[in-house]
Amino acid sequence: MPEDLIEKKSNFDLTSRSAFSREEEVFTSRSFAALLAKNIIPYSHRKMADNYVIIKRVFKFQAVMPRITKAEQSLLAKYDFNTLEFTTVKQMYEELELLQKWAVSADEKLKADSDAILEIRTKELKFIVATSYASISNELYKGYLALENYFVEISKYND
């Protein structure tokens, strides 16, 4: 057992990847476990995660979800966020950390925007999963996988 950990740890460059990162998270120095442990997960995030996991299990996203609207894109642009298919894993982690902080802040506008942005992200994720299509097929832009893993981890309905 300790030999396996030492072998796995020595197989990658520690400057480009955390010891707790998953295989698809090659280009980030943050780990998924650190994101979950560092901040309190807001109830609104858990609710959206539960909804996403249940819908994915029941319907398997057979119906195509619509793309986001221009108003939703402008809300993302207001906070300088890219659309989900142009987001890296590192950017997604930073965004989730920021949304977690906003969701528990005293400012009601930030709370509302945090929930709205997470709903937009969920809508984008559903579209990407339903169509199995992202306009960029680069290994750097896999922020949608980080978001999906976040939802699965915080949901009470995960396996």
N, C-alpha and C. Protein backbone atom coordinates (compact mmCIF):
# COMPACT_ATOMS: atom_id res chain seq x y z
N MET A 1 0.82 -1.20 0.00
CA MET A 1 0.00 0.00 0.00
C MET A 1 0.86 1.27 0.00
N PRO A 2 1.81 1.45 0.92
CA PRO A 2 2.65 2.65 0.87
C PRO A 2 3.49 2.72 -0.40
N GLU A 3 3.88 1.56 -0.91
CA GLU A 3 4.66 1.55 -2.14
C GLU A 3 3.84 2.07 -3.32
N ASP A 4 2.54 1.73 -3.33
CA ASP A 4 1.66 2.21 -4.40
C ASP A 4 1.54 3.73 -4.36
N LEU A 5 1.41 4.28 -3.16
CA LEU A 5 1.29 5.73 -3.03
C LEU A 5 2.57 6.43 -3.47
N ILE A 6 3.69 5.88 -3.08
CA ILE A 6 4.97 6.48 -3.48
C ILE A 6 5.15 6.40 -4.99
N GLU A 7 4.76 5.26 -5.57
CA GLU A 7 4.88 5.10 -7.01
C GLU A 7 3.98 6.07 -7.75
N LYS A 8 2.73 6.21 -7.31
CA LYS A 8 1.80 7.13 -7.96
C LYS A 8 2.27 8.57 -7.81
N LYS A 9 2.78 8.90 -6.64
CA LYS A 9 3.20 10.26 -6.39
C LYS A 9 4.40 10.65 -7.23
N SER A 10 5.27 9.72 -7.54
CA SER A 10 6.47 10.04 -8.30
C SER A 10 6.22 10.05 -9.80
N ASN A 11 5.02 9.71 -10.26
CA ASN A 11 4.74 9.65 -11.70
C ASN A 11 4.37 10.99 -12.31
N PHE A 12 4.27 12.03 -11.53
CA PHE A 12 3.90 13.30 -12.12
C PHE A 12 4.67 14.44 -11.48
N ASP A 13 4.68 15.56 -12.17
CA ASP A 13 5.38 16.75 -11.72
C ASP A 13 4.51 17.46 -10.69
N LEU A 14 5.01 17.62 -9.48
CA LEU A 14 4.23 18.22 -8.41
C LEU A 14 3.96 19.71 -8.64
N THR A 15 4.72 20.35 -9.50
CA THR A 15 4.48 21.77 -9.76
C THR A 15 3.26 21.99 -10.64
N SER A 16 2.89 20.99 -11.43
CA SER A 16 1.76 21.17 -12.33
C SER A 16 0.50 20.45 -11.87
N ARG A 17 0.60 19.64 -10.81
CA ARG A 17 -0.56 18.86 -10.40
C ARG A 17 -0.48 18.53 -8.92
N SER A 18 -1.59 18.61 -8.25
CA SER A 18 -1.64 18.29 -6.84
C SER A 18 -1.65 16.78 -6.64
N ALA A 19 -1.23 16.34 -5.48
CA ALA A 19 -1.20 14.91 -5.19
C ALA A 19 -2.60 14.32 -5.11
N PHE A 20 -3.61 15.16 -4.89
CA PHE A 20 -4.98 14.68 -4.77
C PHE A 20 -5.80 14.91 -6.03
N SER A 21 -5.18 15.39 -7.08
CA SER A 21 -5.89 15.65 -8.33
C SER A 21 -6.25 14.35 -9.02
N ARG A 22 -7.29 14.42 -9.80
CA ARG A 22 -7.69 13.27 -10.60
C ARG A 22 -6.91 13.26 -11.90
N GLU A 23 -7.06 12.19 -12.66
CA GLU A 23 -6.28 12.02 -13.89
C GLU A 23 -6.53 13.12 -14.91
N GLU A 24 -7.79 13.59 -15.04
CA GLU A 24 -8.10 14.61 -16.04
C GLU A 24 -7.70 16.01 -15.59
N GLU A 25 -7.20 16.14 -14.38
CA GLU A 25 -6.85 17.46 -13.85
C GLU A 25 -5.35 17.72 -13.93
N VAL A 26 -4.77 17.44 -15.06
CA VAL A 26 -3.32 17.53 -15.23
C VAL A 26 -2.82 18.97 -15.13
N PHE A 27 -3.60 19.93 -15.61
CA PHE A 27 -3.11 21.29 -15.74
C PHE A 27 -3.52 22.20 -14.58
N THR A 28 -3.73 21.66 -13.42
CA THR A 28 -4.09 22.47 -12.28
C THR A 28 -3.21 22.16 -11.09
N SER A 29 -2.97 23.15 -10.28
CA SER A 29 -2.21 22.93 -9.07
C SER A 29 -3.13 22.79 -7.86
N ARG A 30 -4.42 22.91 -8.09
CA ARG A 30 -5.39 22.76 -7.02
C ARG A 30 -5.98 21.36 -7.08
N SER A 31 -6.36 20.87 -5.93
CA SER A 31 -6.98 19.56 -5.92
C SER A 31 -8.47 19.70 -5.66
N PHE A 32 -9.21 18.72 -6.10
CA PHE A 32 -10.65 18.71 -5.89
C PHE A 32 -10.98 18.58 -4.41
N ALA A 33 -10.21 17.76 -3.71
CA ALA A 33 -10.43 17.57 -2.28
C ALA A 33 -10.21 18.87 -1.52
N ALA A 34 -9.22 19.65 -1.93
CA ALA A 34 -8.94 20.91 -1.26
C ALA A 34 -10.08 21.90 -1.47
N LEU A 35 -10.68 21.89 -2.65
CA LEU A 35 -11.80 22.79 -2.92
C LEU A 35 -12.97 22.48 -1.99
N LEU A 36 -13.26 21.21 -1.80
CA LEU A 36 -14.38 20.83 -0.96
C LEU A 36 -14.08 21.05 0.52
N ALA A 37 -12.85 20.85 0.93
CA ALA A 37 -12.50 20.96 2.34
C ALA A 37 -12.31 22.41 2.77
N LYS A 38 -11.93 23.28 1.86
CA LYS A 38 -11.59 24.65 2.22
C LYS A 38 -12.82 25.49 2.56
N ASN A 39 -13.89 25.31 1.86
CA ASN A 39 -15.08 26.15 2.02
C ASN A 39 -16.29 25.34 2.44
N ILE A 40 -17.21 26.02 3.04
CA ILE A 40 -18.49 25.41 3.39
C ILE A 40 -19.32 25.35 2.11
N ILE A 41 -19.92 24.20 1.84
CA ILE A 41 -20.74 24.04 0.64
C ILE A 41 -22.12 24.63 0.93
N PRO A 42 -22.53 25.66 0.20
CA PRO A 42 -23.84 26.27 0.44
C PRO A 42 -24.98 25.32 0.09
N TYR A 43 -26.13 25.53 0.72
CA TYR A 43 -27.29 24.70 0.49
C TYR A 43 -27.75 24.78 -0.97
N SER A 44 -27.68 25.97 -1.57
CA SER A 44 -28.12 26.12 -2.96
C SER A 44 -27.26 25.28 -3.90
N HIS A 45 -25.97 25.13 -3.60
CA HIS A 45 -25.09 24.29 -4.42
C HIS A 45 -25.48 22.82 -4.28
N ARG A 46 -25.76 22.40 -3.05
CA ARG A 46 -26.16 21.01 -2.82
C ARG A 46 -27.49 20.70 -3.51
N LYS A 47 -28.41 21.66 -3.47
CA LYS A 47 -29.72 21.47 -4.10
C LYS A 47 -29.58 21.31 -5.61
N MET A 48 -28.76 22.16 -6.23
CA MET A 48 -28.55 22.04 -7.68
C MET A 48 -27.81 20.76 -8.03
N ALA A 49 -26.88 20.36 -7.18
CA ALA A 49 -26.14 19.12 -7.42
C ALA A 49 -27.07 17.91 -7.32
N ASP A 50 -27.93 17.89 -6.31
CA ASP A 50 -28.88 16.79 -6.17
C ASP A 50 -29.81 16.72 -7.38
N ASN A 51 -30.28 17.88 -7.83
CA ASN A 51 -31.15 17.94 -9.00
C ASN A 51 -30.43 17.40 -10.23
N TYR A 52 -29.19 17.82 -10.43
CA TYR A 52 -28.41 17.37 -11.58
C TYR A 52 -28.21 15.86 -11.55
N VAL A 53 -27.81 15.32 -10.40
CA VAL A 53 -27.52 13.89 -10.29
C VAL A 53 -28.78 13.06 -10.50
N ILE A 54 -29.89 13.49 -9.93
CA ILE A 54 -31.16 12.75 -10.09
C ILE A 54 -31.59 12.74 -11.56
N ILE A 55 -31.56 13.92 -12.19
CA ILE A 55 -31.96 14.00 -13.60
C ILE A 55 -31.04 13.15 -14.48
N LYS A 56 -29.75 13.18 -14.18
CA LYS A 56 -28.82 12.39 -14.98
C LYS A 56 -29.09 10.90 -14.83
N ARG A 57 -29.43 10.45 -13.63
CA ARG A 57 -29.71 9.03 -13.42
C ARG A 57 -31.02 8.60 -14.06
N VAL A 58 -32.04 9.44 -13.95
CA VAL A 58 -33.37 9.06 -14.44
C VAL A 58 -33.47 9.21 -15.95
N PHE A 59 -33.08 10.37 -16.47
CA PHE A 59 -33.31 10.66 -17.89
C PHE A 59 -32.07 10.46 -18.75
N LYS A 60 -30.90 10.40 -18.16
CA LYS A 60 -29.64 10.22 -18.90
C LYS A 60 -29.43 11.30 -19.95
N PHE A 61 -30.10 12.44 -19.79
CA PHE A 61 -29.97 13.58 -20.69
C PHE A 61 -30.25 13.22 -22.14
N GLN A 62 -31.32 12.49 -22.36
CA GLN A 62 -31.67 12.11 -23.73
C GLN A 62 -32.29 13.28 -24.49
N ALA A 63 -32.92 14.19 -23.78
CA ALA A 63 -33.47 15.38 -24.42
C ALA A 63 -32.40 16.46 -24.41
N VAL A 64 -32.24 17.14 -25.52
CA VAL A 64 -31.22 18.16 -25.63
C VAL A 64 -31.68 19.41 -24.88
N MET A 65 -30.82 19.91 -24.03
CA MET A 65 -31.10 21.12 -23.28
C MET A 65 -30.71 22.33 -24.14
N PRO A 66 -31.43 23.46 -23.98
CA PRO A 66 -31.10 24.63 -24.79
C PRO A 66 -29.79 25.28 -24.34
N ARG A 67 -29.18 26.00 -25.25
CA ARG A 67 -27.98 26.78 -24.91
C ARG A 67 -28.38 27.96 -24.03
N ILE A 68 -27.38 28.62 -23.46
CA ILE A 68 -27.69 29.76 -22.62
C ILE A 68 -28.05 30.98 -23.48
N THR A 69 -28.82 31.88 -22.89
CA THR A 69 -29.29 33.07 -23.61
C THR A 69 -28.24 34.17 -23.56
N LYS A 70 -28.47 35.22 -24.31
CA LYS A 70 -27.57 36.38 -24.32
C LYS A 70 -27.55 37.06 -22.95
N ALA A 71 -28.69 37.10 -22.27
CA ALA A 71 -28.75 37.71 -20.94
C ALA A 71 -27.89 36.91 -19.95
N GLU A 72 -27.94 35.60 -20.07
CA GLU A 72 -27.12 34.75 -19.20
C GLU A 72 -25.63 34.91 -19.53
N GLN A 73 -25.32 35.05 -20.83
CA GLN A 73 -23.93 35.28 -21.22
C GLN A 73 -23.43 36.62 -20.69
N SER A 74 -24.31 37.62 -20.68
CA SER A 74 -23.89 38.93 -20.18
C SER A 74 -23.65 38.90 -18.67
N LEU A 75 -24.41 38.08 -17.94
CA LEU A 75 -24.15 37.93 -16.50
C LEU A 75 -22.79 37.28 -16.27
N LEU A 76 -22.46 36.28 -17.06
CA LEU A 76 -21.14 35.66 -16.95
C LEU A 76 -20.05 36.67 -17.29
N ALA A 77 -20.26 37.46 -18.33
CA ALA A 77 -19.27 38.45 -18.75
C ALA A 77 -19.12 39.56 -17.71
N LYS A 78 -20.19 39.85 -16.99
CA LYS A 78 -20.13 40.88 -15.95
C LYS A 78 -19.07 40.54 -14.91
N TYR A 79 -18.94 39.26 -14.60
CA TYR A 79 -17.94 38.82 -13.61
C TYR A 79 -16.71 38.22 -14.29
N ASP A 80 -16.57 38.44 -15.60
CA ASP A 80 -15.41 38.01 -16.37
C ASP A 80 -15.23 36.49 -16.38
N PHE A 81 -16.34 35.76 -16.52
CA PHE A 81 -16.31 34.31 -16.64
C PHE A 81 -16.51 33.92 -18.10
N ASN A 82 -15.77 32.92 -18.54
CA ASN A 82 -15.97 32.36 -19.88
C ASN A 82 -17.18 31.44 -19.86
N THR A 83 -17.65 31.08 -21.06
CA THR A 83 -18.67 30.03 -21.11
C THR A 83 -18.01 28.72 -20.70
N LEU A 84 -18.80 27.76 -20.33
CA LEU A 84 -18.27 26.52 -19.74
C LEU A 84 -17.35 25.76 -20.69
N GLU A 85 -17.67 25.75 -21.97
CA GLU A 85 -16.82 25.01 -22.90
C GLU A 85 -15.47 25.68 -23.15
N PHE A 86 -15.30 26.91 -22.72
CA PHE A 86 -14.01 27.62 -22.83
C PHE A 86 -13.35 27.80 -21.46
N THR A 87 -13.71 26.98 -20.51
CA THR A 87 -13.20 27.10 -19.15
C THR A 87 -12.28 25.94 -18.85
N THR A 88 -11.12 26.25 -18.27
CA THR A 88 -10.19 25.21 -17.87
C THR A 88 -10.57 24.68 -16.49
N VAL A 89 -9.97 23.59 -16.09
CA VAL A 89 -10.25 23.00 -14.78
C VAL A 89 -9.85 23.98 -13.68
N LYS A 90 -8.70 24.60 -13.84
CA LYS A 90 -8.23 25.56 -12.84
C LYS A 90 -9.19 26.74 -12.71
N GLN A 91 -9.64 27.28 -13.85
CA GLN A 91 -10.60 28.38 -13.81
C GLN A 91 -11.90 27.95 -13.15
N MET A 92 -12.33 26.70 -13.40
CA MET A 92 -13.57 26.22 -12.81
C MET A 92 -13.44 26.11 -11.30
N TYR A 93 -12.30 25.62 -10.82
CA TYR A 93 -12.07 25.55 -9.38
C TYR A 93 -12.09 26.93 -8.75
N GLU A 94 -11.43 27.88 -9.39
CA GLU A 94 -11.42 29.24 -8.86
C GLU A 94 -12.82 29.83 -8.86
N GLU A 95 -13.57 29.56 -9.91
CA GLU A 95 -14.94 30.06 -9.99
C GLU A 95 -15.83 29.43 -8.92
N LEU A 96 -15.72 28.12 -8.73
CA LEU A 96 -16.53 27.45 -7.70
C LEU A 96 -16.18 27.97 -6.31
N GLU A 97 -14.91 28.21 -6.07
CA GLU A 97 -14.50 28.75 -4.77
C GLU A 97 -15.11 30.14 -4.57
N LEU A 98 -15.09 30.95 -5.60
CA LEU A 98 -15.67 32.29 -5.54
C LEU A 98 -17.18 32.23 -5.33
N LEU A 99 -17.86 31.34 -6.05
CA LEU A 99 -19.31 31.20 -5.92
C LEU A 99 -19.69 30.71 -4.52
N GLN A 100 -18.87 29.84 -3.94
CA GLN A 100 -19.12 29.38 -2.57
C GLN A 100 -19.03 30.54 -1.59
N LYS A 101 -18.03 31.39 -1.76
CA LYS A 101 -17.88 32.55 -0.87
C LYS A 101 -19.03 33.53 -1.04
N TRP A 102 -19.43 33.77 -2.29
CA TRP A 102 -20.53 34.69 -2.54
C TRP A 102 -21.84 34.17 -1.96
N ALA A 103 -22.05 32.87 -2.00
CA ALA A 103 -23.31 32.28 -1.54
C ALA A 103 -23.51 32.43 -0.03
N VAL A 104 -22.44 32.61 0.71
CA VAL A 104 -22.56 32.77 2.16
C VAL A 104 -22.24 34.20 2.61
N SER A 105 -22.10 35.13 1.65
CA SER A 105 -21.79 36.51 2.00
C SER A 105 -23.04 37.23 2.50
N ALA A 106 -22.84 38.40 3.06
CA ALA A 106 -23.95 39.19 3.58
C ALA A 106 -24.65 39.98 2.48
N ASP A 107 -23.99 40.16 1.35
CA ASP A 107 -24.55 40.92 0.24
C ASP A 107 -25.57 40.08 -0.52
N GLU A 108 -26.81 40.52 -0.52
CA GLU A 108 -27.89 39.77 -1.17
C GLU A 108 -27.73 39.73 -2.69
N LYS A 109 -27.17 40.78 -3.28
CA LYS A 109 -26.95 40.81 -4.73
C LYS A 109 -25.93 39.75 -5.14
N LEU A 110 -24.86 39.61 -4.35
CA LEU A 110 -23.86 38.58 -4.66
C LEU A 110 -24.44 37.19 -4.49
N LYS A 111 -25.26 36.99 -3.46
CA LYS A 111 -25.91 35.69 -3.27
C LYS A 111 -26.78 35.33 -4.46
N ALA A 112 -27.58 36.29 -4.91
CA ALA A 112 -28.48 36.05 -6.05
C ALA A 112 -27.67 35.77 -7.32
N ASP A 113 -26.60 36.54 -7.53
CA ASP A 113 -25.77 36.32 -8.71
C ASP A 113 -25.04 34.99 -8.64
N SER A 114 -24.62 34.60 -7.45
CA SER A 114 -23.95 33.31 -7.28
C SER A 114 -24.88 32.16 -7.68
N ASP A 115 -26.11 32.21 -7.19
CA ASP A 115 -27.08 31.18 -7.53
C ASP A 115 -27.42 31.20 -9.02
N ALA A 116 -27.55 32.40 -9.58
CA ALA A 116 -27.87 32.51 -11.00
C ALA A 116 -26.73 31.97 -11.87
N ILE A 117 -25.50 32.27 -11.50
CA ILE A 117 -24.35 31.78 -12.27
C ILE A 117 -24.25 30.26 -12.18
N LEU A 118 -24.51 29.70 -10.99
CA LEU A 118 -24.46 28.25 -10.87
C LEU A 118 -25.58 27.59 -11.68
N GLU A 119 -26.75 28.22 -11.74
CA GLU A 119 -27.82 27.70 -12.59
C GLU A 119 -27.44 27.75 -14.07
N ILE A 120 -26.77 28.83 -14.47
CA ILE A 120 -26.29 28.95 -15.85
C ILE A 120 -25.27 27.84 -16.13
N ARG A 121 -24.37 27.62 -15.21
CA ARG A 121 -23.36 26.58 -15.37
C ARG A 121 -24.00 25.20 -15.47
N THR A 122 -25.04 24.98 -14.68
CA THR A 122 -25.75 23.70 -14.73
C THR A 122 -26.42 23.52 -16.09
N LYS A 123 -27.02 24.58 -16.59
CA LYS A 123 -27.66 24.54 -17.90
C LYS A 123 -26.63 24.24 -19.00
N GLU A 124 -25.47 24.91 -18.93
CA GLU A 124 -24.41 24.65 -19.90
C GLU A 124 -23.91 23.21 -19.82
N LEU A 125 -23.76 22.72 -18.59
CA LEU A 125 -23.28 21.35 -18.39
C LEU A 125 -24.27 20.35 -18.97
N LYS A 126 -25.55 20.57 -18.73
CA LYS A 126 -26.57 19.67 -19.27
C LYS A 126 -26.53 19.65 -20.79
N PHE A 127 -26.31 20.82 -21.41
CA PHE A 127 -26.24 20.87 -22.87
C PHE A 127 -25.03 20.10 -23.38
N ILE A 128 -23.88 20.29 -22.76
CA ILE A 128 -22.66 19.61 -23.20
C ILE A 128 -22.80 18.09 -23.03
N VAL A 129 -23.35 17.67 -21.90
CA VAL A 129 -23.52 16.23 -21.66
C VAL A 129 -24.58 15.64 -22.59
N ALA A 130 -25.66 16.38 -22.82
CA ALA A 130 -26.74 15.87 -23.67
C ALA A 130 -26.30 15.71 -25.11
N THR A 131 -25.52 16.64 -25.60
CA THR A 131 -25.12 16.59 -27.01
C THR A 131 -23.78 15.91 -27.21
N SER A 132 -23.08 15.64 -26.11
CA SER A 132 -21.72 15.08 -26.18
C SER A 132 -20.85 15.92 -27.11
N TYR A 133 -21.03 17.22 -26.98
CA TYR A 133 -20.34 18.12 -27.90
C TYR A 133 -19.86 19.36 -27.17
N ALA A 134 -18.61 19.70 -27.37
CA ALA A 134 -18.07 20.98 -26.97
C ALA A 134 -17.36 21.54 -28.19
N SER A 135 -17.53 22.83 -28.44
CA SER A 135 -16.94 23.39 -29.66
C SER A 135 -15.42 23.36 -29.62
N ILE A 136 -14.86 23.27 -28.44
CA ILE A 136 -13.41 23.13 -28.30
C ILE A 136 -13.15 21.74 -27.76
N SER A 137 -12.35 20.97 -28.45
CA SER A 137 -12.04 19.62 -27.98
C SER A 137 -10.58 19.53 -27.56
N ASN A 138 -10.16 20.51 -26.80
CA ASN A 138 -8.78 20.57 -26.33
C ASN A 138 -8.74 20.03 -24.91
N GLU A 139 -7.67 19.34 -24.57
CA GLU A 139 -7.59 18.77 -23.22
C GLU A 139 -7.48 19.82 -22.13
N LEU A 140 -7.14 21.05 -22.50
CA LEU A 140 -7.07 22.12 -21.49
C LEU A 140 -8.45 22.56 -21.04
N TYR A 141 -9.41 22.58 -21.95
CA TYR A 141 -10.73 23.12 -21.66
C TYR A 141 -11.68 22.01 -21.20
N LYS A 142 -11.45 21.53 -20.00
CA LYS A 142 -12.30 20.48 -19.44
C LYS A 142 -12.91 20.94 -18.12
N GLY A 143 -13.25 22.21 -18.05
CA GLY A 143 -13.89 22.75 -16.85
C GLY A 143 -15.23 22.11 -16.57
N TYR A 144 -15.90 21.67 -17.64
CA TYR A 144 -17.20 21.03 -17.45
C TYR A 144 -17.06 19.71 -16.69
N LEU A 145 -15.94 19.02 -16.84
CA LEU A 145 -15.72 17.79 -16.07
C LEU A 145 -15.51 18.11 -14.59
N ALA A 146 -14.83 19.20 -14.31
CA ALA A 146 -14.64 19.62 -12.92
C ALA A 146 -15.97 19.98 -12.28
N LEU A 147 -16.84 20.67 -13.02
CA LEU A 147 -18.16 21.02 -12.50
C LEU A 147 -19.01 19.78 -12.25
N GLU A 148 -18.96 18.84 -13.20
CA GLU A 148 -19.74 17.61 -13.02
C GLU A 148 -19.24 16.81 -11.81
N ASN A 149 -17.92 16.73 -11.65
CA ASN A 149 -17.36 16.04 -10.48
C ASN A 149 -17.75 16.74 -9.18
N TYR A 150 -17.78 18.06 -9.20
CA TYR A 150 -18.20 18.84 -8.04
C TYR A 150 -19.64 18.48 -7.65
N PHE A 151 -20.53 18.45 -8.66
CA PHE A 151 -21.92 18.10 -8.39
C PHE A 151 -22.06 16.69 -7.83
N VAL A 152 -21.33 15.75 -8.40
CA VAL A 152 -21.41 14.36 -7.94
C VAL A 152 -20.89 14.25 -6.50
N GLU A 153 -19.81 14.93 -6.20
CA GLU A 153 -19.21 14.84 -4.86
C GLU A 153 -20.08 15.44 -3.78
N ILE A 154 -20.73 16.58 -4.06
CA ILE A 154 -21.51 17.24 -3.01
C ILE A 154 -22.95 16.74 -2.92
N SER A 155 -23.38 15.98 -3.91
CA SER A 155 -24.75 15.47 -3.90
C SER A 155 -24.90 14.37 -2.87
N LYS A 156 -26.06 14.33 -2.24
CA LYS A 156 -26.32 13.24 -1.29
C LYS A 156 -26.77 11.98 -2.01
N TYR A 157 -26.96 12.05 -3.32
CA TYR A 157 -27.41 10.90 -4.09
C TYR A 157 -26.29 10.23 -4.87
N ASN A 158 -25.04 10.57 -4.58
CA ASN A 158 -23.95 9.92 -5.32
C ASN A 158 -23.75 8.50 -4.79
N ASP A 159 -23.09 7.69 -5.58
CA ASP A 159 -22.91 6.27 -5.21
C ASP A 159 -21.95 6.09 -4.09
